[in-house]
Amino acid sequence: MIKDFACKETEKIFSRRISLRLPRDIQKIARRKLEIVEAAELLVDLRIPPNNHLEKLSKDRKGQYSIRINDQWRICFEWRKGDAYNVEIIDYH
């Protein structure tokens, strides 16, 4: 379950509103991926579908995980006790 968001634009997309700051072409896919994060009970649940490419991050994002929206955009979050915190959509490149 998503407990909180690191950015308001991500929360808008999750709430089925349109973000003017994020590309329109990723918003439908991003919403679907956020719904997958919301439904996950275990971190390993996010390995399916395989195109999520669940990754444990390092360096300045140590303690976070990401799943892919596409080649450029990611949903990053912290996972604690079955819940996602500080969820945000970022341009990873």
PDB file of N, CA and C in Angstrom:
ATOM      1  N   MET A   1       0.840  -1.177   0.000  1.00  0.00           N
ATOM      2  CA  MET A   1       0.000   0.000   0.000  1.00  0.00           C
ATOM      3  C   MET A   1       0.887   1.243   0.000  1.00  0.00           C
ATOM      4  N   ILE A   2       0.476   2.245  -0.747  1.00  0.00           N
ATOM      5  CA  ILE A   2       1.201   3.514  -0.765  1.00  0.00           C
ATOM      6  C   ILE A   2       0.780   4.327   0.449  1.00  0.00           C
ATOM      7  N   LYS A   3       1.752   4.689   1.272  1.00  0.00           N
ATOM      8  CA  LYS A   3       1.479   5.473   2.480  1.00  0.00           C
ATOM      9  C   LYS A   3       1.647   6.969   2.261  1.00  0.00           C
ATOM     10  N   ASP A   4       2.650   7.366   1.448  1.00  0.00           N
ATOM     11  CA  ASP A   4       2.803   8.789   1.147  1.00  0.00           C
ATOM     12  C   ASP A   4       3.606   8.989  -0.132  1.00  0.00           C
ATOM     13  N   PHE A   5       3.583  10.217  -0.602  1.00  0.00           N
ATOM     14  CA  PHE A   5       4.230  10.576  -1.860  1.00  0.00           C
ATOM     15  C   PHE A   5       5.325  11.605  -1.604  1.00  0.00           C
ATOM     16  N   ALA A   6       6.401  11.513  -2.377  1.00  0.00           N
ATOM     17  CA  ALA A   6       7.487  12.483  -2.278  1.00  0.00           C
ATOM     18  C   ALA A   6       7.218  13.700  -3.153  1.00  0.00           C
ATOM     19  N   CYS A   7       6.264  13.579  -4.084  1.00  0.00           N
ATOM     20  CA  CYS A   7       5.951  14.721  -4.945  1.00  0.00           C
ATOM     21  C   CYS A   7       4.458  14.762  -5.257  1.00  0.00           C
ATOM     22  N   LYS A   8       3.953  15.976  -5.361  1.00  0.00           N
ATOM     23  CA  LYS A   8       2.520  16.177  -5.599  1.00  0.00           C
ATOM     24  C   LYS A   8       2.097  15.710  -6.981  1.00  0.00           C
ATOM     25  N   GLU A   9       2.989  15.778  -7.951  1.00  0.00           N
ATOM     26  CA  GLU A   9       2.636  15.364  -9.308  1.00  0.00           C
ATOM     27  C   GLU A   9       2.364  13.859  -9.363  1.00  0.00           C
ATOM     28  N   THR A  10       3.135  13.088  -8.628  1.00  0.00           N
ATOM     29  CA  THR A  10       2.895  11.644  -8.558  1.00  0.00           C
ATOM     30  C   THR A  10       1.559  11.366  -7.892  1.00  0.00           C
ATOM     31  N   GLU A  11       1.263  12.088  -6.843  1.00  0.00           N
ATOM     32  CA  GLU A  11      -0.016  11.917  -6.153  1.00  0.00           C
ATOM     33  C   GLU A  11      -1.187  12.291  -7.058  1.00  0.00           C
ATOM     34  N   LYS A  12      -1.017  13.315  -7.879  1.00  0.00           N
ATOM     35  CA  LYS A  12      -2.068  13.697  -8.839  1.00  0.00           C
ATOM     36  C   LYS A  12      -2.372  12.544  -9.788  1.00  0.00           C
ATOM     37  N   ILE A  13      -1.333  11.963 -10.339  1.00  0.00           N
ATOM     38  CA  ILE A  13      -1.529  10.866 -11.288  1.00  0.00           C
ATOM     39  C   ILE A  13      -2.212   9.696 -10.605  1.00  0.00           C
ATOM     40  N   PHE A  14      -1.783   9.362  -9.404  1.00  0.00           N
ATOM     41  CA  PHE A  14      -2.408   8.267  -8.655  1.00  0.00           C
ATOM     42  C   PHE A  14      -3.884   8.559  -8.386  1.00  0.00           C
ATOM     43  N   SER A  15      -4.216   9.822  -8.181  1.00  0.00           N
ATOM     44  CA  SER A  15      -5.597  10.237  -7.896  1.00  0.00           C
ATOM     45  C   SER A  15      -6.416  10.463  -9.167  1.00  0.00           C
ATOM     46  N   ARG A  16      -5.893  10.007 -10.299  1.00  0.00           N
ATOM     47  CA  ARG A  16      -6.572  10.104 -11.595  1.00  0.00           C
ATOM     48  C   ARG A  16      -6.769  11.538 -12.081  1.00  0.00           C
ATOM     49  N   ARG A  17      -5.826  12.395 -11.698  1.00  0.00           N
ATOM     50  CA  ARG A  17      -5.820  13.762 -12.217  1.00  0.00           C
ATOM     51  C   ARG A  17      -4.641  13.888 -13.172  1.00  0.00           C
ATOM     52  N   ILE A  18      -4.669  14.877 -14.012  1.00  0.00           N
ATOM     53  CA  ILE A  18      -3.609  15.081 -14.995  1.00  0.00           C
ATOM     54  C   ILE A  18      -2.541  16.000 -14.417  1.00  0.00           C
ATOM     55  N   SER A  19      -1.304  15.602 -14.598  1.00  0.00           N
ATOM     56  CA  SER A  19      -0.173  16.432 -14.192  1.00  0.00           C
ATOM     57  C   SER A  19       0.279  17.249 -15.395  1.00  0.00           C
ATOM     58  N   LEU A  20       0.458  18.531 -15.192  1.00  0.00           N
ATOM     59  CA  LEU A  20       0.966  19.388 -16.263  1.00  0.00           C
ATOM     60  C   LEU A  20       2.491  19.399 -16.295  1.00  0.00           C
ATOM     61  N   ARG A  21       3.115  18.825 -15.280  1.00  0.00           N
ATOM     62  CA  ARG A  21       4.578  18.840 -15.186  1.00  0.00           C
ATOM     63  C   ARG A  21       5.232  17.545 -15.661  1.00  0.00           C
ATOM     64  N   LEU A  22       4.458  16.510 -15.825  1.00  0.00           N
ATOM     65  CA  LEU A  22       4.996  15.237 -16.307  1.00  0.00           C
ATOM     66  C   LEU A  22       4.441  14.967 -17.701  1.00  0.00           C
ATOM     67  N   PRO A  23       5.212  14.281 -18.550  1.00  0.00           N
ATOM     68  CA  PRO A  23       4.759  14.029 -19.918  1.00  0.00           C
ATOM     69  C   PRO A  23       3.416  13.292 -19.954  1.00  0.00           C
ATOM     70  N   ARG A  24       2.534  13.756 -20.793  1.00  0.00           N
ATOM     71  CA  ARG A  24       1.205  13.138 -20.906  1.00  0.00           C
ATOM     72  C   ARG A  24       1.303  11.674 -21.346  1.00  0.00           C
ATOM     73  N   ASP A  25       2.285  11.377 -22.201  1.00  0.00           N
ATOM     74  CA  ASP A  25       2.361  10.030 -22.758  1.00  0.00           C
ATOM     75  C   ASP A  25       2.763   8.965 -21.740  1.00  0.00           C
ATOM     76  N   ILE A  26       3.251   9.342 -20.564  1.00  0.00           N
ATOM     77  CA  ILE A  26       3.595   8.327 -19.557  1.00  0.00           C
ATOM     78  C   ILE A  26       2.533   8.202 -18.468  1.00  0.00           C
ATOM     79  N   GLN A  27       1.575   9.104 -18.425  1.00  0.00           N
ATOM     80  CA  GLN A  27       0.690   9.180 -17.267  1.00  0.00           C
ATOM     81  C   GLN A  27      -0.248   7.982 -17.120  1.00  0.00           C
ATOM     82  N   LYS A  28      -0.763   7.460 -18.202  1.00  0.00           N
ATOM     83  CA  LYS A  28      -1.647   6.288 -18.110  1.00  0.00           C
ATOM     84  C   LYS A  28      -0.870   5.066 -17.605  1.00  0.00           C
ATOM     85  N   ILE A  29       0.301   4.853 -18.165  1.00  0.00           N
ATOM     86  CA  ILE A  29       1.135   3.724 -17.734  1.00  0.00           C
ATOM     87  C   ILE A  29       1.576   3.926 -16.287  1.00  0.00           C
ATOM     88  N   ALA A  30       1.959   5.153 -15.944  1.00  0.00           N
ATOM     89  CA  ALA A  30       2.391   5.450 -14.574  1.00  0.00           C
ATOM     90  C   ALA A  30       1.270   5.166 -13.583  1.00  0.00           C
ATOM     91  N   ARG A  31       0.053   5.539 -13.921  1.00  0.00           N
ATOM     92  CA  ARG A  31      -1.089   5.285 -13.031  1.00  0.00           C
ATOM     93  C   ARG A  31      -1.268   3.783 -12.812  1.00  0.00           C
ATOM     94  N   ARG A  32      -1.159   3.025 -13.887  1.00  0.00           N
ATOM     95  CA  ARG A  32      -1.290   1.568 -13.772  1.00  0.00           C
ATOM     96  C   ARG A  32      -0.184   0.990 -12.884  1.00  0.00           C
ATOM     97  N   LYS A  33       1.033   1.480 -13.044  1.00  0.00           N
ATOM     98  CA  LYS A  33       2.147   0.993 -12.218  1.00  0.00           C
ATOM     99  C   LYS A  33       1.967   1.405 -10.756  1.00  0.00           C
ATOM    100  N   LEU A  34       1.464   2.613 -10.514  1.00  0.00           N
ATOM    101  CA  LEU A  34       1.189   3.043  -9.139  1.00  0.00           C
ATOM    102  C   LEU A  34       0.114   2.166  -8.504  1.00  0.00           C
ATOM    103  N   GLU A  35      -0.863   1.744  -9.289  1.00  0.00           N
ATOM    104  CA  GLU A  35      -1.896   0.836  -8.776  1.00  0.00           C
ATOM    105  C   GLU A  35      -1.299  -0.517  -8.405  1.00  0.00           C
ATOM    106  N   ILE A  36      -0.291  -0.955  -9.150  1.00  0.00           N
ATOM    107  CA  ILE A  36       0.405  -2.201  -8.826  1.00  0.00           C
ATOM    108  C   ILE A  36       1.143  -2.052  -7.496  1.00  0.00           C
ATOM    109  N   VAL A  37       1.814  -0.912  -7.300  1.00  0.00           N
ATOM    110  CA  VAL A  37       2.501  -0.652  -6.025  1.00  0.00           C
ATOM    111  C   VAL A  37       1.481  -0.623  -4.890  1.00  0.00           C
ATOM    112  N   GLU A  38       0.362   0.029  -5.112  1.00  0.00           N
ATOM    113  CA  GLU A  38      -0.695   0.115  -4.100  1.00  0.00           C
ATOM    114  C   GLU A  38      -1.188  -1.274  -3.686  1.00  0.00           C
ATOM    115  N   ALA A  39      -1.310  -2.185  -4.639  1.00  0.00           N
ATOM    116  CA  ALA A  39      -1.853  -3.518  -4.372  1.00  0.00           C
ATOM    117  C   ALA A  39      -0.828  -4.489  -3.785  1.00  0.00           C
ATOM    118  N   ALA A  40       0.457  -4.182  -3.906  1.00  0.00           N
ATOM    119  CA  ALA A  40       1.505  -5.111  -3.466  1.00  0.00           C
ATOM    120  C   ALA A  40       1.485  -5.296  -1.951  1.00  0.00           C
ATOM    121  N   GLU A  41       1.572  -6.546  -1.545  1.00  0.00           N
ATOM    122  CA  GLU A  41       1.675  -6.869  -0.121  1.00  0.00           C
ATOM    123  C   GLU A  41       3.114  -7.169   0.272  1.00  0.00           C
ATOM    124  N   LEU A  42       3.866  -7.688  -0.685  1.00  0.00           N
ATOM    125  CA  LEU A  42       5.281  -7.998  -0.491  1.00  0.00           C
ATOM    126  C   LEU A  42       6.078  -7.328  -1.598  1.00  0.00           C
ATOM    127  N   LEU A  43       7.309  -6.979  -1.311  1.00  0.00           N
ATOM    128  CA  LEU A  43       8.151  -6.350  -2.321  1.00  0.00           C
ATOM    129  C   LEU A  43       8.276  -7.229  -3.561  1.00  0.00           C
ATOM    130  N   VAL A  44       8.379  -8.537  -3.374  1.00  0.00           N
ATOM    131  CA  VAL A  44       8.533  -9.444  -4.518  1.00  0.00           C
ATOM    132  C   VAL A  44       7.308  -9.436  -5.428  1.00  0.00           C
ATOM    133  N   ASP A  45       6.165  -8.995  -4.926  1.00  0.00           N
ATOM    134  CA  ASP A  45       4.977  -8.875  -5.780  1.00  0.00           C
ATOM    135  C   ASP A  45       5.234  -7.921  -6.942  1.00  0.00           C
ATOM    136  N   LEU A  46       6.169  -7.006  -6.775  1.00  0.00           N
ATOM    137  CA  LEU A  46       6.446  -6.008  -7.808  1.00  0.00           C
ATOM    138  C   LEU A  46       7.353  -6.535  -8.913  1.00  0.00           C
ATOM    139  N   ARG A  47       7.774  -7.775  -8.800  1.00  0.00           N
ATOM    140  CA  ARG A  47       8.558  -8.392  -9.883  1.00  0.00           C
ATOM    141  C   ARG A  47       7.667  -8.805 -11.046  1.00  0.00           C
ATOM    142  N   ILE A  48       6.378  -8.824 -10.810  1.00  0.00           N
ATOM    143  CA  ILE A  48       5.410  -9.208 -11.839  1.00  0.00           C
ATOM    144  C   ILE A  48       4.548  -7.999 -12.146  1.00  0.00           C
ATOM    145  N   PRO A  49       4.400  -7.612 -13.375  1.00  0.00           N
ATOM    146  CA  PRO A  49       4.961  -8.222 -14.576  1.00  0.00           C
ATOM    147  C   PRO A  49       6.470  -7.962 -14.689  1.00  0.00           C
ATOM    148  N   PRO A  50       7.157  -8.831 -15.433  1.00  0.00           N
ATOM    149  CA  PRO A  50       8.615  -8.705 -15.543  1.00  0.00           C
ATOM    150  C   PRO A  50       9.083  -7.350 -16.082  1.00  0.00           C
ATOM    151  N   ASN A  51       8.248  -6.679 -16.884  1.00  0.00           N
ATOM    152  CA  ASN A  51       8.687  -5.389 -17.430  1.00  0.00           C
ATOM    153  C   ASN A  51       8.716  -4.282 -16.378  1.00  0.00           C
ATOM    154  N   ASN A  52       8.324  -4.583 -15.136  1.00  0.00           N
ATOM    155  CA  ASN A  52       8.518  -3.626 -14.041  1.00  0.00           C
ATOM    156  C   ASN A  52      10.001  -3.401 -13.770  1.00  0.00           C
ATOM    157  N   HIS A  53      10.810  -4.441 -13.970  1.00  0.00           N
ATOM    158  CA  HIS A  53      12.253  -4.373 -13.703  1.00  0.00           C
ATOM    159  C   HIS A  53      12.524  -3.817 -12.299  1.00  0.00           C
ATOM    160  N   LEU A  54      11.953  -4.463 -11.297  1.00  0.00           N
ATOM    161  CA  LEU A  54      12.170  -4.040  -9.913  1.00  0.00           C
ATOM    162  C   LEU A  54      13.665  -4.017  -9.612  1.00  0.00           C
ATOM    163  N   GLU A  55      14.157  -2.875  -9.116  1.00  0.00           N
ATOM    164  CA  GLU A  55      15.578  -2.720  -8.811  1.00  0.00           C
ATOM    165  C   GLU A  55      15.771  -2.095  -7.440  1.00  0.00           C
ATOM    166  N   LYS A  56      16.775  -2.579  -6.730  1.00  0.00           N
ATOM    167  CA  LYS A  56      17.213  -1.933  -5.494  1.00  0.00           C
ATOM    168  C   LYS A  56      18.227  -0.870  -5.894  1.00  0.00           C
ATOM    169  N   LEU A  57      18.021   0.350  -5.446  1.00  0.00           N
ATOM    170  CA  LEU A  57      18.877   1.456  -5.858  1.00  0.00           C
ATOM    171  C   LEU A  57      20.045   1.638  -4.896  1.00  0.00           C
ATOM    172  N   SER A  58      21.036   2.390  -5.322  1.00  0.00           N
ATOM    173  CA  SER A  58      22.229   2.618  -4.501  1.00  0.00           C
ATOM    174  C   SER A  58      22.640   4.087  -4.578  1.00  0.00           C
ATOM    175  N   LYS A  59      23.789   4.373  -4.041  1.00  0.00           N
ATOM    176  CA  LYS A  59      24.367   5.721  -3.998  1.00  0.00           C
ATOM    177  C   LYS A  59      23.412   6.703  -3.340  1.00  0.00           C
ATOM    178  N   ASP A  60      23.042   7.790  -4.033  1.00  0.00           N
ATOM    179  CA  ASP A  60      22.203   8.813  -3.410  1.00  0.00           C
ATOM    180  C   ASP A  60      20.762   8.355  -3.208  1.00  0.00           C
ATOM    181  N   ARG A  61      20.399   7.213  -3.743  1.00  0.00           N
ATOM    182  CA  ARG A  61      19.055   6.654  -3.561  1.00  0.00           C
ATOM    183  C   ARG A  61      19.092   5.338  -2.774  1.00  0.00           C
ATOM    184  N   LYS A  62      20.136   5.156  -1.992  1.00  0.00           N
ATOM    185  CA  LYS A  62      20.259   3.957  -1.168  1.00  0.00           C
ATOM    186  C   LYS A  62      19.036   3.836  -0.257  1.00  0.00           C
ATOM    187  N   GLY A  63      18.503   2.627  -0.160  1.00  0.00           N
ATOM    188  CA  GLY A  63      17.311   2.390   0.647  1.00  0.00           C
ATOM    189  C   GLY A  63      16.026   2.478  -0.153  1.00  0.00           C
ATOM    190  N   GLN A  64      16.157   2.817  -1.441  1.00  0.00           N
ATOM    191  CA  GLN A  64      14.985   2.919  -2.307  1.00  0.00           C
ATOM    192  C   GLN A  64      14.988   1.812  -3.347  1.00  0.00           C
ATOM    193  N   TYR A  65      13.818   1.624  -3.927  1.00  0.00           N
ATOM    194  CA  TYR A  65      13.620   0.689  -5.027  1.00  0.00           C
ATOM    195  C   TYR A  65      12.983   1.448  -6.170  1.00  0.00           C
ATOM    196  N   SER A  66      13.036   0.848  -7.356  1.00  0.00           N
ATOM    197  CA  SER A  66      12.349   1.465  -8.487  1.00  0.00           C
ATOM    198  C   SER A  66      11.714   0.399  -9.362  1.00  0.00           C
ATOM    199  N   ILE A  67      10.658   0.815 -10.044  1.00  0.00           N
ATOM    200  CA  ILE A  67      10.105   0.033 -11.144  1.00  0.00           C
ATOM    201  C   ILE A  67      10.034   0.967 -12.346  1.00  0.00           C
ATOM    202  N   ARG A  68      10.102   0.390 -13.525  1.00  0.00           N
ATOM    203  CA  ARG A  68      10.150   1.192 -14.748  1.00  0.00           C
ATOM    204  C   ARG A  68       8.756   1.538 -15.258  1.00  0.00           C
ATOM    205  N   ILE A  69       8.639   2.770 -15.705  1.00  0.00           N
ATOM    206  CA  ILE A  69       7.480   3.170 -16.496  1.00  0.00           C
ATOM    207  C   ILE A  69       7.836   2.942 -17.961  1.00  0.00           C
ATOM    208  N   ASN A  70       9.019   3.408 -18.347  1.00  0.00           N
ATOM    209  CA  ASN A  70       9.584   3.162 -19.674  1.00  0.00           C
ATOM    210  C   ASN A  70      11.105   3.256 -19.541  1.00  0.00           C
ATOM    211  N   ASP A  71      11.808   3.387 -20.650  1.00  0.00           N
ATOM    212  CA  ASP A  71      13.273   3.428 -20.582  1.00  0.00           C
ATOM    213  C   ASP A  71      13.799   4.648 -19.834  1.00  0.00           C
ATOM    214  N   GLN A  72      13.044   5.725 -19.821  1.00  0.00           N
ATOM    215  CA  GLN A  72      13.505   6.975 -19.217  1.00  0.00           C
ATOM    216  C   GLN A  72      12.935   7.227 -17.824  1.00  0.00           C
ATOM    217  N   TRP A  73      11.696   6.871 -17.583  1.00  0.00           N
ATOM    218  CA  TRP A  73      10.985   7.242 -16.356  1.00  0.00           C
ATOM    219  C   TRP A  73      10.841   6.068 -15.405  1.00  0.00           C
ATOM    220  N   ARG A  74      10.960   6.370 -14.099  1.00  0.00           N
ATOM    221  CA  ARG A  74      10.855   5.354 -13.043  1.00  0.00           C
ATOM    222  C   ARG A  74       9.914   5.823 -11.944  1.00  0.00           C
ATOM    223  N   ILE A  75       9.363   4.854 -11.236  1.00  0.00           N
ATOM    224  CA  ILE A  75       8.682   5.121  -9.976  1.00  0.00           C
ATOM    225  C   ILE A  75       9.640   4.658  -8.892  1.00  0.00           C
ATOM    226  N   CYS A  76      10.080   5.582  -8.048  1.00  0.00           N
ATOM    227  CA  CYS A  76      10.994   5.268  -6.952  1.00  0.00           C
ATOM    228  C   CYS A  76      10.240   5.341  -5.635  1.00  0.00           C
ATOM    229  N   PHE A  77      10.663   4.506  -4.688  1.00  0.00           N
ATOM    230  CA  PHE A  77       9.967   4.442  -3.398  1.00  0.00           C
ATOM    231  C   PHE A  77      10.832   3.727  -2.379  1.00  0.00           C
ATOM    232  N   GLU A  78      10.499   3.931  -1.125  1.00  0.00           N
ATOM    233  CA  GLU A  78      11.078   3.161  -0.026  1.00  0.00           C
ATOM    234  C   GLU A  78      10.054   2.100   0.347  1.00  0.00           C
ATOM    235  N   TRP A  79      10.518   0.913   0.716  1.00  0.00           N
ATOM    236  CA  TRP A  79       9.620  -0.184   1.092  1.00  0.00           C
ATOM    237  C   TRP A  79       9.891  -0.559   2.539  1.00  0.00           C
ATOM    238  N   ARG A  80       8.870  -0.397   3.379  1.00  0.00           N
ATOM    239  CA  ARG A  80       9.015  -0.741   4.796  1.00  0.00           C
ATOM    240  C   ARG A  80       7.769  -1.467   5.268  1.00  0.00           C
ATOM    241  N   LYS A  81       7.977  -2.657   5.814  1.00  0.00           N
ATOM    242  CA  LYS A  81       6.906  -3.442   6.436  1.00  0.00           C
ATOM    243  C   LYS A  81       5.658  -3.548   5.560  1.00  0.00           C
ATOM    244  N   GLY A  82       5.869  -3.832   4.284  1.00  0.00           N
ATOM    245  CA  GLY A  82       4.754  -4.067   3.380  1.00  0.00           C
ATOM    246  C   GLY A  82       4.106  -2.830   2.795  1.00  0.00           C
ATOM    247  N   ASP A  83       4.721  -1.672   2.981  1.00  0.00           N
ATOM    248  CA  ASP A  83       4.149  -0.430   2.469  1.00  0.00           C
ATOM    249  C   ASP A  83       5.202   0.396   1.732  1.00  0.00           C
ATOM    250  N   ALA A  84       4.731   1.194   0.772  1.00  0.00           N
ATOM    251  CA  ALA A  84       5.600   2.079  -0.002  1.00  0.00           C
ATOM    252  C   ALA A  84       5.501   3.501   0.542  1.00  0.00           C
ATOM    253  N   TYR A  85       6.655   4.120   0.725  1.00  0.00           N
ATOM    254  CA  TYR A  85       6.742   5.487   1.240  1.00  0.00           C
ATOM    255  C   TYR A  85       7.540   6.348   0.266  1.00  0.00           C
ATOM    256  N   ASN A  86       7.307   7.653   0.322  1.00  0.00           N
ATOM    257  CA  ASN A  86       8.053   8.607  -0.508  1.00  0.00           C
ATOM    258  C   ASN A  86       8.039   8.216  -1.982  1.00  0.00           C
ATOM    259  N   VAL A  87       6.871   7.872  -2.460  1.00  0.00           N
ATOM    260  CA  VAL A  87       6.706   7.427  -3.845  1.00  0.00           C
ATOM    261  C   VAL A  87       6.805   8.641  -4.769  1.00  0.00           C
ATOM    262  N   GLU A  88       7.601   8.489  -5.827  1.00  0.00           N
ATOM    263  CA  GLU A  88       7.749   9.591  -6.782  1.00  0.00           C
ATOM    264  C   GLU A  88       8.068   9.065  -8.168  1.00  0.00           C
ATOM    265  N   ILE A  89       7.640   9.818  -9.156  1.00  0.00           N
ATOM    266  CA  ILE A  89       7.978   9.538 -10.547  1.00  0.00           C
ATOM    267  C   ILE A  89       9.159  10.429 -10.894  1.00  0.00           C
ATOM    268  N   ILE A  90      10.220   9.815 -11.410  1.00  0.00           N
ATOM    269  CA  ILE A  90      11.417  10.595 -11.738  1.00  0.00           C
ATOM    270  C   ILE A  90      11.922  10.255 -13.135  1.00  0.00           C
ATOM    271  N   ASP A  91      12.588  11.233 -13.720  1.00  0.00           N
ATOM    272  CA  ASP A  91      13.321  11.041 -14.966  1.00  0.00           C
ATOM    273  C   ASP A  91      14.677  10.498 -14.542  1.00  0.00           C
ATOM    274  N   TYR A  92      14.911   9.229 -14.783  1.00  0.00           N
ATOM    275  CA  TYR A  92      16.077   8.551 -14.230  1.00  0.00           C
ATOM    276  C   TYR A  92      17.364   8.859 -14.989  1.00  0.00           C
ATOM    277  N   HIS A  93      17.260   9.527 -16.128  1.00  0.00           N
ATOM    278  CA  HIS A  93      18.478   9.770 -16.927  1.00  0.00           C
ATOM    279  C   HIS A  93      18.761  11.236 -17.069  1.00  0.00           C
TER     280      HIS A  93
END
